[in-house]
Amino acid sequence: MCWVAGFILLDLTAQQSFLVMEYNVENFFDCRHDSLKDDFEFMPDSPRGWNYGKFRKKVENIARVILSVSHENVPDIVGLCEIENDFCAKTLVKYSQLKEAGYEYVMTDSPDERGIDVALLYQPYSFKLISKKIIPVPTESIGGRPTRDILHVSGNIVTGDTLDVFLAHFPSRSGGWRKSEKFRLMAAKILKSAADSVMNVRSNPNVIIMGDFNDYPDSKSVSEVINASKPGDTVEKKALYNLMDGKEGGTYRYRGQWGILDQMIVNGNLLGNGNIRTGYSKACIIDFPFLLEEDDKYGGTTPFRMYNGMRYKGGYSDHLPVLLELEFHP
């Protein structure tokens, strides 16, 4: 797996670069019931015994991860998957170790039955918010359950360029990947169409697509529908490239096997010679030792989770975060 020491040593005080992080924080729920959602699993009287103390521990754990990824500055934008509501997001940015970082945020309010959403934290001094758009994924129309909306956020960065960020959490593999694949294919088609629209409208498009796709880089939804693969020797300005394709290790471990469910995809313009640029080597899986524990069943290490079944452990998430560095060349 990839160690991110190179990012830790960055001197960002002069805003020479821009850090983008994505993290599925796994069941970031408050401990209050939402009458419109199936959130009973994370209530004080549930078998998990989820309470305010455990919620606060979860908040501080997420804050610790975000604060740990660079030496001088926090990431400029952070995409979070599997966060329940505005109360969770506000507590994280206003009432945790992140308070001094000054993050603001935007998030979805999706029809997902469990109530989980995606949220984008951003530094207003380095990412001036222009707009946000919620993009529905109507899986009910093809026999699926309501799922997470896609979040599209546009902002100006210090070079004067516009950055368009899409944050997605595709439908799960519940019931088996074959049975559920059509729902991820629908999400991928909608996401691809939205990204293409931006690239056709902008004269100088800078597009980042990130999130938990519940599929791998070589899955049909990513490699064929979104049409994003590992960049080669030549790139096209409006084509999409998956910077996680071919990386060692993974962001999620299933039955002893690592896989990359969390993707970081950019358009070719960001791989060129513009004011803002990145490259394949600038994307990395964050695998700090404190995010891992020994896998007693399969051997090796596995993400240090909050729960093992119903047994509370106080860990972080079943996913590892991913990080992308953009460099400025004004």
C-alpha atoms as a PDB file:
ATOM      1  CA  MET A   1       0.000   0.000   0.000  1.00  0.00           C
ATOM      2  CA  CYS A   2       1.077   3.569  -0.502  1.00  0.00           C
ATOM      3  CA  TRP A   3       2.449   5.668   2.351  1.00  0.00           C
ATOM      4  CA  VAL A   4       1.724   9.374   2.140  1.00  0.00           C
ATOM      5  CA  ALA A   5       4.884  10.787   3.675  1.00  0.00           C
ATOM      6  CA  GLY A   6       5.389  12.818   0.519  1.00  0.00           C
ATOM      7  CA  PHE A   7       2.194  14.684   1.294  1.00  0.00           C
ATOM      8  CA  ILE A   8       3.070  15.167   4.951  1.00  0.00           C
ATOM      9  CA  LEU A   9       6.275  16.970   4.025  1.00  0.00           C
ATOM     10  CA  LEU A  10       4.588  19.428   1.668  1.00  0.00           C
ATOM     11  CA  ASP A  11       5.022  23.106   2.464  1.00  0.00           C
ATOM     12  CA  LEU A  12       1.587  24.497   1.688  1.00  0.00           C
ATOM     13  CA  THR A  13       1.957  27.840   3.467  1.00  0.00           C
ATOM     14  CA  ALA A  14       2.296  29.725   0.167  1.00  0.00           C
ATOM     15  CA  GLN A  15      -0.573  27.782  -1.386  1.00  0.00           C
ATOM     16  CA  GLN A  16       1.705  26.078  -3.891  1.00  0.00           C
ATOM     17  CA  SER A  17      -0.692  23.155  -4.100  1.00  0.00           C
ATOM     18  CA  PHE A  18      -4.221  22.084  -3.365  1.00  0.00           C
ATOM     19  CA  LEU A  19      -5.146  18.903  -1.489  1.00  0.00           C
ATOM     20  CA  VAL A  20      -8.290  16.899  -2.210  1.00  0.00           C
ATOM     21  CA  MET A  21      -9.330  14.105   0.144  1.00  0.00           C
ATOM     22  CA  GLU A  22     -12.133  11.544  -0.038  1.00  0.00           C
ATOM     23  CA  TYR A  23     -13.182   9.327   2.859  1.00  0.00           C
ATOM     24  CA  ASN A  24     -16.036   6.904   3.458  1.00  0.00           C
ATOM     25  CA  VAL A  25     -16.362   7.421   7.210  1.00  0.00           C
ATOM     26  CA  GLU A  26     -18.665   4.398   7.750  1.00  0.00           C
ATOM     27  CA  ASN A  27     -21.943   4.988   9.533  1.00  0.00           C
ATOM     28  CA  PHE A  28     -21.426   8.525  10.784  1.00  0.00           C
ATOM     29  CA  PHE A  29     -24.800   8.708  12.559  1.00  0.00           C
ATOM     30  CA  ASP A  30     -26.039  10.884  15.360  1.00  0.00           C
ATOM     31  CA  CYS A  31     -27.979   9.122  18.146  1.00  0.00           C
ATOM     32  CA  ARG A  32     -31.375  10.693  17.524  1.00  0.00           C
ATOM     33  CA  HIS A  33     -34.159   9.125  15.489  1.00  0.00           C
ATOM     34  CA  ASP A  34     -35.193  10.684  12.197  1.00  0.00           C
ATOM     35  CA  SER A  35     -38.846   9.757  11.771  1.00  0.00           C
ATOM     36  CA  LEU A  36     -38.421   9.538   7.995  1.00  0.00           C
ATOM     37  CA  LYS A  37     -35.387   7.222   8.023  1.00  0.00           C
ATOM     38  CA  ASP A  38     -34.436   3.703   9.083  1.00  0.00           C
ATOM     39  CA  ASP A  39     -31.739   4.724  11.544  1.00  0.00           C
ATOM     40  CA  PHE A  40     -32.804   2.480  14.447  1.00  0.00           C
ATOM     41  CA  GLU A  41     -29.503   0.586  14.305  1.00  0.00           C
ATOM     42  CA  PHE A  42     -27.738   3.671  15.655  1.00  0.00           C
ATOM     43  CA  MET A  43     -29.869   4.540  18.650  1.00  0.00           C
ATOM     44  CA  PRO A  44     -29.108   4.218  22.386  1.00  0.00           C
ATOM     45  CA  ASP A  45     -31.615   1.372  22.802  1.00  0.00           C
ATOM     46  CA  SER A  46     -30.353  -0.581  19.779  1.00  0.00           C
ATOM     47  CA  PRO A  47     -28.180  -3.723  20.070  1.00  0.00           C
ATOM     48  CA  ARG A  48     -25.191  -1.514  19.182  1.00  0.00           C
ATOM     49  CA  GLY A  49     -25.907   0.792  22.101  1.00  0.00           C
ATOM     50  CA  TRP A  50     -25.020   3.841  20.029  1.00  0.00           C
ATOM     51  CA  ASN A  51     -24.950   6.894  22.280  1.00  0.00           C
ATOM     52  CA  TYR A  52     -23.674  10.449  22.456  1.00  0.00           C
ATOM     53  CA  GLY A  53     -20.303   9.411  23.869  1.00  0.00           C
ATOM     54  CA  LYS A  54     -19.690   7.051  20.953  1.00  0.00           C
ATOM     55  CA  PHE A  55     -20.889   9.712  18.538  1.00  0.00           C
ATOM     56  CA  ARG A  56     -18.358  12.195  19.965  1.00  0.00           C
ATOM     57  CA  LYS A  57     -15.610   9.573  19.651  1.00  0.00           C
ATOM     58  CA  LYS A  58     -16.578   9.106  16.011  1.00  0.00           C
ATOM     59  CA  VAL A  59     -16.435  12.873  15.421  1.00  0.00           C
ATOM     60  CA  GLU A  60     -12.951  13.167  16.915  1.00  0.00           C
ATOM     61  CA  ASN A  61     -11.708  10.130  14.996  1.00  0.00           C
ATOM     62  CA  ILE A  62     -12.763  11.650  11.672  1.00  0.00           C
ATOM     63  CA  ALA A  63     -11.235  14.985  12.632  1.00  0.00           C
ATOM     64  CA  ARG A  64      -7.958  13.270  13.536  1.00  0.00           C
ATOM     65  CA  VAL A  65      -7.723  11.621  10.119  1.00  0.00           C
ATOM     66  CA  ILE A  66      -8.347  14.887   8.270  1.00  0.00           C
ATOM     67  CA  LEU A  67      -5.805  16.756  10.406  1.00  0.00           C
ATOM     68  CA  SER A  68      -3.181  14.034   9.912  1.00  0.00           C
ATOM     69  CA  VAL A  69      -2.838  14.121   6.137  1.00  0.00           C
ATOM     70  CA  SER A  70      -0.569  17.171   5.823  1.00  0.00           C
ATOM     71  CA  HIS A  71       2.053  18.855   7.945  1.00  0.00           C
ATOM     72  CA  GLU A  72       1.205  22.534   7.595  1.00  0.00           C
ATOM     73  CA  ASN A  73      -2.358  22.835   6.296  1.00  0.00           C
ATOM     74  CA  VAL A  74      -5.472  20.707   6.247  1.00  0.00           C
ATOM     75  CA  PRO A  75      -6.854  19.497   2.891  1.00  0.00           C
ATOM     76  CA  ASP A  76      -8.553  22.220   0.870  1.00  0.00           C
ATOM     77  CA  ILE A  77     -11.586  20.046   0.153  1.00  0.00           C
ATOM     78  CA  VAL A  78     -12.721  16.814   1.799  1.00  0.00           C
ATOM     79  CA  GLY A  79     -15.446  14.582   0.388  1.00  0.00           C
ATOM     80  CA  LEU A  80     -17.189  12.485   3.036  1.00  0.00           C
ATOM     81  CA  CYS A  81     -19.388   9.496   2.253  1.00  0.00           C
ATOM     82  CA  GLU A  82     -21.840   7.823   4.649  1.00  0.00           C
ATOM     83  CA  ILE A  83     -22.674  10.830   6.831  1.00  0.00           C
ATOM     84  CA  GLU A  84     -26.225  11.001   8.161  1.00  0.00           C
ATOM     85  CA  ASN A  85     -27.226  14.643   8.310  1.00  0.00           C
ATOM     86  CA  ASP A  86     -26.426  18.304   8.794  1.00  0.00           C
ATOM     87  CA  PHE A  87     -26.049  17.871  12.560  1.00  0.00           C
ATOM     88  CA  CYS A  88     -23.176  15.409  12.016  1.00  0.00           C
ATOM     89  CA  ALA A  89     -21.441  17.705   9.522  1.00  0.00           C
ATOM     90  CA  LYS A  90     -21.870  20.794  11.691  1.00  0.00           C
ATOM     91  CA  THR A  91     -20.581  19.011  14.793  1.00  0.00           C
ATOM     92  CA  LEU A  92     -17.507  17.873  12.872  1.00  0.00           C
ATOM     93  CA  VAL A  93     -16.530  21.292  11.488  1.00  0.00           C
ATOM     94  CA  LYS A  94     -17.670  23.515  14.377  1.00  0.00           C
ATOM     95  CA  TYR A  95     -17.302  21.414  17.548  1.00  0.00           C
ATOM     96  CA  SER A  96     -14.277  19.183  17.099  1.00  0.00           C
ATOM     97  CA  GLN A  97     -10.523  19.461  16.585  1.00  0.00           C
ATOM     98  CA  LEU A  98     -11.389  20.788  13.114  1.00  0.00           C
ATOM     99  CA  LYS A  99     -12.902  23.985  14.526  1.00  0.00           C
ATOM    100  CA  GLU A 100      -9.715  26.009  14.059  1.00  0.00           C
ATOM    101  CA  ALA A 101      -9.417  24.828  10.457  1.00  0.00           C
ATOM    102  CA  GLY A 102     -12.419  26.984   9.517  1.00  0.00           C
ATOM    103  CA  TYR A 103     -14.120  24.520   7.182  1.00  0.00           C
ATOM    104  CA  GLU A 104     -17.482  25.228   5.633  1.00  0.00           C
ATOM    105  CA  TYR A 105     -19.564  22.509   4.011  1.00  0.00           C
ATOM    106  CA  VAL A 106     -22.337  21.591   1.618  1.00  0.00           C
ATOM    107  CA  MET A 107     -24.151  18.272   1.534  1.00  0.00           C
ATOM    108  CA  THR A 108     -27.013  16.323   0.030  1.00  0.00           C
ATOM    109  CA  ASP A 109     -30.333  15.352   1.596  1.00  0.00           C
ATOM    110  CA  SER A 110     -30.910  12.124  -0.253  1.00  0.00           C
ATOM    111  CA  PRO A 111     -33.884   9.725  -0.265  1.00  0.00           C
ATOM    112  CA  ASP A 112     -31.598   6.905   0.959  1.00  0.00           C
ATOM    113  CA  GLU A 113     -33.680   4.777   3.351  1.00  0.00           C
ATOM    114  CA  ARG A 114     -31.034   4.768   6.081  1.00  0.00           C
ATOM    115  CA  GLY A 115     -30.573   8.513   5.751  1.00  0.00           C
ATOM    116  CA  ILE A 116     -26.917   8.549   4.729  1.00  0.00           C
ATOM    117  CA  ASP A 117     -25.585  11.301   2.482  1.00  0.00           C
ATOM    118  CA  VAL A 118     -22.398  12.812   1.115  1.00  0.00           C
ATOM    119  CA  ALA A 119     -20.841  16.084   2.264  1.00  0.00           C
ATOM    120  CA  LEU A 120     -18.069  18.279   0.919  1.00  0.00           C
ATOM    121  CA  LEU A 121     -15.960  20.240   3.409  1.00  0.00           C
ATOM    122  CA  TYR A 122     -14.056  23.141   1.884  1.00  0.00           C
ATOM    123  CA  GLN A 123     -11.635  25.876   2.888  1.00  0.00           C
ATOM    124  CA  PRO A 124     -13.335  29.152   1.856  1.00  0.00           C
ATOM    125  CA  TYR A 125      -9.983  30.953   1.485  1.00  0.00           C
ATOM    126  CA  SER A 126      -8.707  28.470  -1.103  1.00  0.00           C
ATOM    127  CA  PHE A 127     -11.987  27.259  -2.642  1.00  0.00           C
ATOM    128  CA  LYS A 128     -14.519  30.046  -3.163  1.00  0.00           C
ATOM    129  CA  LEU A 129     -17.880  28.381  -3.553  1.00  0.00           C
ATOM    130  CA  ILE A 130     -19.741  29.290  -6.761  1.00  0.00           C
ATOM    131  CA  SER A 131     -22.573  26.784  -6.757  1.00  0.00           C
ATOM    132  CA  LYS A 132     -23.786  23.398  -5.630  1.00  0.00           C
ATOM    133  CA  LYS A 133     -26.105  21.076  -7.480  1.00  0.00           C
ATOM    134  CA  ILE A 134     -27.858  17.931  -6.293  1.00  0.00           C
ATOM    135  CA  ILE A 135     -28.123  15.210  -8.936  1.00  0.00           C
ATOM    136  CA  PRO A 136     -30.716  12.489  -8.188  1.00  0.00           C
ATOM    137  CA  VAL A 137     -30.154   8.828  -9.057  1.00  0.00           C
ATOM    138  CA  PRO A 138     -33.695   7.379  -9.464  1.00  0.00           C
ATOM    139  CA  THR A 139     -32.932   3.699  -8.871  1.00  0.00           C
ATOM    140  CA  GLU A 140     -36.555   3.113  -7.798  1.00  0.00           C
ATOM    141  CA  SER A 141     -37.530   3.402 -11.473  1.00  0.00           C
ATOM    142  CA  ILE A 142     -35.652   0.164 -12.214  1.00  0.00           C
ATOM    143  CA  GLY A 143     -36.688  -1.765  -9.123  1.00  0.00           C
ATOM    144  CA  GLY A 144     -34.094  -0.539  -6.638  1.00  0.00           C
ATOM    145  CA  ARG A 145     -34.231   1.151  -3.277  1.00  0.00           C
ATOM    146  CA  PRO A 146     -33.771   4.920  -2.974  1.00  0.00           C
ATOM    147  CA  THR A 147     -30.078   5.769  -3.009  1.00  0.00           C
ATOM    148  CA  ARG A 148     -27.667   8.639  -2.469  1.00  0.00           C
ATOM    149  CA  ASP A 149     -27.764  11.724  -4.664  1.00  0.00           C
ATOM    150  CA  ILE A 150     -24.596  12.916  -6.419  1.00  0.00           C
ATOM    151  CA  LEU A 151     -23.188  16.246  -5.241  1.00  0.00           C
ATOM    152  CA  HIS A 152     -21.727  18.653  -7.816  1.00  0.00           C
ATOM    153  CA  VAL A 153     -19.847  21.626  -6.374  1.00  0.00           C
ATOM    154  CA  SER A 154     -18.131  24.403  -8.339  1.00  0.00           C
ATOM    155  CA  GLY A 155     -15.594  26.800  -6.881  1.00  0.00           C
ATOM    156  CA  ASN A 156     -12.851  29.255  -7.760  1.00  0.00           C
ATOM    157  CA  ILE A 157      -9.297  28.511  -6.626  1.00  0.00           C
ATOM    158  CA  VAL A 158      -6.352  30.862  -6.121  1.00  0.00           C
ATOM    159  CA  THR A 159      -5.149  30.596  -9.728  1.00  0.00           C
ATOM    160  CA  GLY A 160      -8.462  32.052 -10.890  1.00  0.00           C
ATOM    161  CA  ASP A 161      -9.518  28.725 -12.392  1.00  0.00           C
ATOM    162  CA  THR A 162     -12.852  27.046 -11.746  1.00  0.00           C
ATOM    163  CA  LEU A 163     -12.781  23.567 -10.216  1.00  0.00           C
ATOM    164  CA  ASP A 164     -15.806  21.283 -10.637  1.00  0.00           C
ATOM    165  CA  VAL A 165     -16.021  18.500  -8.070  1.00  0.00           C
ATOM    166  CA  PHE A 166     -18.434  15.574  -8.210  1.00  0.00           C
ATOM    167  CA  LEU A 167     -18.871  13.492  -5.050  1.00  0.00           C
ATOM    168  CA  ALA A 168     -20.707  10.182  -5.316  1.00  0.00           C
ATOM    169  CA  HIS A 169     -21.598   7.193  -3.178  1.00  0.00           C
ATOM    170  CA  PHE A 170     -22.922   4.579  -5.572  1.00  0.00           C
ATOM    171  CA  PRO A 171     -25.542   1.953  -4.588  1.00  0.00           C
ATOM    172  CA  SER A 172     -24.180  -0.882  -2.481  1.00  0.00           C
ATOM    173  CA  ARG A 173     -23.522  -4.494  -3.456  1.00  0.00           C
ATOM    174  CA  SER A 174     -26.246  -5.704  -1.105  1.00  0.00           C
ATOM    175  CA  GLY A 175     -27.793  -8.865  -2.523  1.00  0.00           C
ATOM    176  CA  GLY A 176     -24.698  -9.600  -4.612  1.00  0.00           C
ATOM    177  CA  TRP A 177     -22.803  -7.547  -7.149  1.00  0.00           C
ATOM    178  CA  ARG A 178     -24.531  -9.068 -10.186  1.00  0.00           C
ATOM    179  CA  LYS A 179     -28.014  -8.359  -8.883  1.00  0.00           C
ATOM    180  CA  SER A 180     -27.130  -4.827  -7.799  1.00  0.00           C
ATOM    181  CA  GLU A 181     -24.887  -3.893 -10.739  1.00  0.00           C
ATOM    182  CA  LYS A 182     -27.659  -2.255 -12.771  1.00  0.00           C
ATOM    183  CA  PHE A 183     -28.128   0.361 -10.065  1.00  0.00           C
ATOM    184  CA  ARG A 184     -24.464   1.357 -10.125  1.00  0.00           C
ATOM    185  CA  LEU A 185     -24.556   1.429 -13.914  1.00  0.00           C
ATOM    186  CA  MET A 186     -27.447   3.897 -13.715  1.00  0.00           C
ATOM    187  CA  ALA A 187     -25.529   6.071 -11.246  1.00  0.00           C
ATOM    188  CA  ALA A 188     -22.442   5.936 -13.458  1.00  0.00           C
ATOM    189  CA  LYS A 189     -24.422   6.956 -16.550  1.00  0.00           C
ATOM    190  CA  ILE A 190     -25.938   9.956 -14.755  1.00  0.00           C
ATOM    191  CA  LEU A 191     -22.554  10.979 -13.346  1.00  0.00           C
ATOM    192  CA  LYS A 192     -20.845  10.658 -16.717  1.00  0.00           C
ATOM    193  CA  SER A 193     -23.523  12.781 -18.389  1.00  0.00           C
ATOM    194  CA  ALA A 194     -23.168  15.511 -15.743  1.00  0.00           C
ATOM    195  CA  ALA A 195     -19.370  15.574 -16.060  1.00  0.00           C
ATOM    196  CA  ASP A 196     -19.546  15.673 -19.860  1.00  0.00           C
ATOM    197  CA  SER A 197     -21.974  18.596 -19.676  1.00  0.00           C
ATOM    198  CA  VAL A 198     -19.532  20.577 -17.553  1.00  0.00           C
ATOM    199  CA  MET A 199     -16.632  19.812 -19.885  1.00  0.00           C
ATOM    200  CA  ASN A 200     -18.669  20.891 -22.898  1.00  0.00           C
ATOM    201  CA  VAL A 201     -19.684  24.192 -21.275  1.00  0.00           C
ATOM    202  CA  ARG A 202     -16.392  25.244 -19.681  1.00  0.00           C
ATOM    203  CA  SER A 203     -13.686  26.593 -21.978  1.00  0.00           C
ATOM    204  CA  ASN A 204     -11.055  25.390 -19.513  1.00  0.00           C
ATOM    205  CA  PRO A 205     -12.678  22.520 -17.592  1.00  0.00           C
ATOM    206  CA  ASN A 206     -11.054  21.166 -14.434  1.00  0.00           C
ATOM    207  CA  VAL A 207     -13.069  18.193 -13.234  1.00  0.00           C
ATOM    208  CA  ILE A 208     -12.569  15.893 -10.257  1.00  0.00           C
ATOM    209  CA  ILE A 209     -14.865  12.925  -9.641  1.00  0.00           C
ATOM    210  CA  MET A 210     -14.442  11.128  -6.339  1.00  0.00           C
ATOM    211  CA  GLY A 211     -16.288   8.916  -3.908  1.00  0.00           C
ATOM    212  CA  ASP A 212     -17.126   5.367  -2.943  1.00  0.00           C
ATOM    213  CA  PHE A 213     -18.238   3.677  -6.141  1.00  0.00           C
ATOM    214  CA  ASN A 214     -18.870   0.248  -4.569  1.00  0.00           C
ATOM    215  CA  ASP A 215     -17.090  -0.970  -7.701  1.00  0.00           C
ATOM    216  CA  TYR A 216     -13.459  -1.386  -8.691  1.00  0.00           C
ATOM    217  CA  PRO A 217     -11.439   0.460 -11.340  1.00  0.00           C
ATOM    218  CA  ASP A 218     -11.984  -2.403 -13.812  1.00  0.00           C
ATOM    219  CA  SER A 219     -15.723  -2.707 -13.100  1.00  0.00           C
ATOM    220  CA  LYS A 220     -18.094  -1.885 -15.939  1.00  0.00           C
ATOM    221  CA  SER A 221     -19.558   1.157 -14.196  1.00  0.00           C
ATOM    222  CA  VAL A 222     -16.149   2.814 -13.895  1.00  0.00           C
ATOM    223  CA  SER A 223     -14.128   1.529 -16.844  1.00  0.00           C
ATOM    224  CA  GLU A 224     -16.885   1.449 -19.476  1.00  0.00           C
ATOM    225  CA  VAL A 225     -19.732   3.776 -18.489  1.00  0.00           C
ATOM    226  CA  ILE A 226     -17.689   6.555 -16.895  1.00  0.00           C
ATOM    227  CA  ASN A 227     -14.939   5.453 -19.299  1.00  0.00           C
ATOM    228  CA  ALA A 228     -12.115   6.213 -16.890  1.00  0.00           C
ATOM    229  CA  SER A 229      -8.893   4.217 -16.944  1.00  0.00           C
ATOM    230  CA  LYS A 230      -5.280   4.708 -15.935  1.00  0.00           C
ATOM    231  CA  PRO A 231      -3.706   7.608 -17.879  1.00  0.00           C
ATOM    232  CA  GLY A 232      -1.214   6.682 -20.600  1.00  0.00           C
ATOM    233  CA  ASP A 233       1.463   8.602 -22.461  1.00  0.00           C
ATOM    234  CA  THR A 234      -1.063  10.886 -24.127  1.00  0.00           C
ATOM    235  CA  VAL A 235      -4.261  12.324 -22.692  1.00  0.00           C
ATOM    236  CA  GLU A 236      -7.278  14.102 -24.111  1.00  0.00           C
ATOM    237  CA  LYS A 237      -8.555  17.291 -22.486  1.00  0.00           C
ATOM    238  CA  LYS A 238     -12.153  16.122 -22.096  1.00  0.00           C
ATOM    239  CA  ALA A 239     -11.492  12.446 -21.423  1.00  0.00           C
ATOM    240  CA  LEU A 240     -11.618  11.027 -17.881  1.00  0.00           C
ATOM    241  CA  TYR A 241      -8.757   9.205 -16.173  1.00  0.00           C
ATOM    242  CA  ASN A 242      -8.806   7.087 -13.020  1.00  0.00           C
ATOM    243  CA  LEU A 243      -5.788   7.879 -10.849  1.00  0.00           C
ATOM    244  CA  MET A 244      -6.524   4.900  -8.583  1.00  0.00           C
ATOM    245  CA  ASP A 245      -6.435   2.340 -11.381  1.00  0.00           C
ATOM    246  CA  GLY A 246      -3.469   0.035 -10.828  1.00  0.00           C
ATOM    247  CA  LYS A 247      -2.539   1.301  -7.367  1.00  0.00           C
ATOM    248  CA  GLU A 248      -1.190  -1.272  -4.920  1.00  0.00           C
ATOM    249  CA  GLY A 249      -3.326  -2.343  -1.989  1.00  0.00           C
ATOM    250  CA  GLY A 250      -6.818  -0.983  -1.586  1.00  0.00           C
ATOM    251  CA  THR A 251      -9.245   1.157   0.340  1.00  0.00           C
ATOM    252  CA  TYR A 252     -11.488  -1.704   1.504  1.00  0.00           C
ATOM    253  CA  ARG A 253     -10.835  -5.310   2.511  1.00  0.00           C
ATOM    254  CA  TYR A 254     -13.360  -8.069   1.888  1.00  0.00           C
ATOM    255  CA  ARG A 255     -12.681 -11.610   3.062  1.00  0.00           C
ATOM    256  CA  GLY A 256      -8.977 -10.973   3.244  1.00  0.00           C
ATOM    257  CA  GLN A 257      -8.682  -9.310  -0.176  1.00  0.00           C
ATOM    258  CA  TRP A 258      -7.930  -5.615  -0.656  1.00  0.00           C
ATOM    259  CA  GLY A 259      -9.768  -3.714  -3.366  1.00  0.00           C
ATOM    260  CA  ILE A 260     -10.101  -0.095  -4.424  1.00  0.00           C
ATOM    261  CA  LEU A 261     -13.707   1.055  -4.056  1.00  0.00           C
ATOM    262  CA  ASP A 262     -12.807   4.705  -3.519  1.00  0.00           C
ATOM    263  CA  GLN A 263     -11.876   6.349  -6.790  1.00  0.00           C
ATOM    264  CA  MET A 264     -10.172   9.625  -7.697  1.00  0.00           C
ATOM    265  CA  ILE A 265     -10.938  10.500 -11.328  1.00  0.00           C
ATOM    266  CA  VAL A 266      -9.875  13.643 -13.214  1.00  0.00           C
ATOM    267  CA  ASN A 267     -10.274  14.992 -16.720  1.00  0.00           C
ATOM    268  CA  GLY A 268      -7.328  15.198 -19.096  1.00  0.00           C
ATOM    269  CA  ASN A 269      -7.093  18.957 -18.735  1.00  0.00           C
ATOM    270  CA  LEU A 270      -5.793  18.477 -15.178  1.00  0.00           C
ATOM    271  CA  LEU A 271      -3.094  16.163 -16.516  1.00  0.00           C
ATOM    272  CA  GLY A 272      -1.863  18.790 -18.975  1.00  0.00           C
ATOM    273  CA  ASN A 273       0.206  21.955 -18.656  1.00  0.00           C
ATOM    274  CA  GLY A 274      -2.354  24.415 -17.330  1.00  0.00           C
ATOM    275  CA  ASN A 275      -2.295  26.625 -14.236  1.00  0.00           C
ATOM    276  CA  ILE A 276      -3.479  23.691 -12.145  1.00  0.00           C
ATOM    277  CA  ARG A 277      -2.314  20.165 -12.790  1.00  0.00           C
ATOM    278  CA  THR A 278      -1.818  16.762 -11.262  1.00  0.00           C
ATOM    279  CA  GLY A 279      -0.587  13.315 -12.219  1.00  0.00           C
ATOM    280  CA  TYR A 280      -0.946   9.617 -11.530  1.00  0.00           C
ATOM    281  CA  SER A 281       1.729   9.692  -8.813  1.00  0.00           C
ATOM    282  CA  LYS A 282      -0.115  12.503  -7.009  1.00  0.00           C
ATOM    283  CA  ALA A 283      -3.000  10.255  -5.942  1.00  0.00           C
ATOM    284  CA  CYS A 284      -2.486   8.018  -2.944  1.00  0.00           C
ATOM    285  CA  ILE A 285      -4.229   5.753  -0.450  1.00  0.00           C
ATOM    286  CA  ILE A 286      -3.808   6.978   3.113  1.00  0.00           C
ATOM    287  CA  ASP A 287      -2.767   3.994   5.197  1.00  0.00           C
ATOM    288  CA  PHE A 288      -1.548   5.426   8.478  1.00  0.00           C
ATOM    289  CA  PRO A 289      -0.841   2.655  11.018  1.00  0.00           C
ATOM    290  CA  PHE A 290      -3.520   3.977  13.387  1.00  0.00           C
ATOM    291  CA  LEU A 291      -6.134   3.357  10.676  1.00  0.00           C
ATOM    292  CA  LEU A 292      -5.251  -0.353  10.538  1.00  0.00           C
ATOM    293  CA  GLU A 293      -5.388  -3.385  12.809  1.00  0.00           C
ATOM    294  CA  GLU A 294      -4.399  -7.019  12.549  1.00  0.00           C
ATOM    295  CA  ASP A 295      -6.835  -9.254  10.704  1.00  0.00           C
ATOM    296  CA  ASP A 296      -7.230 -12.214  13.065  1.00  0.00           C
ATOM    297  CA  LYS A 297      -9.210 -14.273  10.553  1.00  0.00           C
ATOM    298  CA  TYR A 298      -7.370 -13.782   7.255  1.00  0.00           C
ATOM    299  CA  GLY A 299      -3.999 -12.455   8.378  1.00  0.00           C
ATOM    300  CA  GLY A 300      -2.322  -9.194   7.485  1.00  0.00           C
ATOM    301  CA  THR A 301      -3.974  -5.880   8.280  1.00  0.00           C
ATOM    302  CA  THR A 302      -7.466  -4.553   7.769  1.00  0.00           C
ATOM    303  CA  PRO A 303      -9.127  -1.166   8.383  1.00  0.00           C
ATOM    304  CA  PHE A 304      -9.677  -0.454  12.088  1.00  0.00           C
ATOM    305  CA  ARG A 305     -13.449  -0.266  12.260  1.00  0.00           C
ATOM    306  CA  MET A 306     -15.815   1.279  14.747  1.00  0.00           C
ATOM    307  CA  TYR A 307     -17.556  -2.069  15.330  1.00  0.00           C
ATOM    308  CA  ASN A 308     -16.694  -5.725  14.822  1.00  0.00           C
ATOM    309  CA  GLY A 309     -20.180  -7.054  14.275  1.00  0.00           C
ATOM    310  CA  MET A 310     -22.053  -5.681  17.282  1.00  0.00           C
ATOM    311  CA  ARG A 311     -18.936  -5.327  19.433  1.00  0.00           C
ATOM    312  CA  TYR A 312     -17.816  -1.734  19.815  1.00  0.00           C
ATOM    313  CA  LYS A 313     -14.105  -1.178  19.184  1.00  0.00           C
ATOM    314  CA  GLY A 314     -13.844   2.593  18.815  1.00  0.00           C
ATOM    315  CA  GLY A 315     -12.016   2.522  15.496  1.00  0.00           C
ATOM    316  CA  TYR A 316     -12.291   4.710  12.438  1.00  0.00           C
ATOM    317  CA  SER A 317     -13.927   3.191   9.353  1.00  0.00           C
ATOM    318  CA  ASP A 318     -14.056   0.108   7.160  1.00  0.00           C
ATOM    319  CA  HIS A 319     -12.547   2.224   4.367  1.00  0.00           C
ATOM    320  CA  LEU A 320      -9.219   3.986   4.002  1.00  0.00           C
ATOM    321  CA  PRO A 321      -9.161   7.560   2.668  1.00  0.00           C
ATOM    322  CA  VAL A 322      -7.623   8.647  -0.622  1.00  0.00           C
ATOM    323  CA  LEU A 323      -5.701  11.862  -1.253  1.00  0.00           C
ATOM    324  CA  LEU A 324      -4.936  13.849  -4.397  1.00  0.00           C
ATOM    325  CA  GLU A 325      -2.479  16.737  -4.759  1.00  0.00           C
ATOM    326  CA  LEU A 326      -2.994  19.431  -7.373  1.00  0.00           C
ATOM    327  CA  GLU A 327      -0.024  21.669  -8.133  1.00  0.00           C
ATOM    328  CA  PHE A 328      -0.245  25.306  -9.131  1.00  0.00           C
ATOM    329  CA  HIS A 329       1.788  26.623 -12.076  1.00  0.00           C
ATOM    330  CA  PRO A 330       0.429  30.125 -12.695  1.00  0.00           C
END
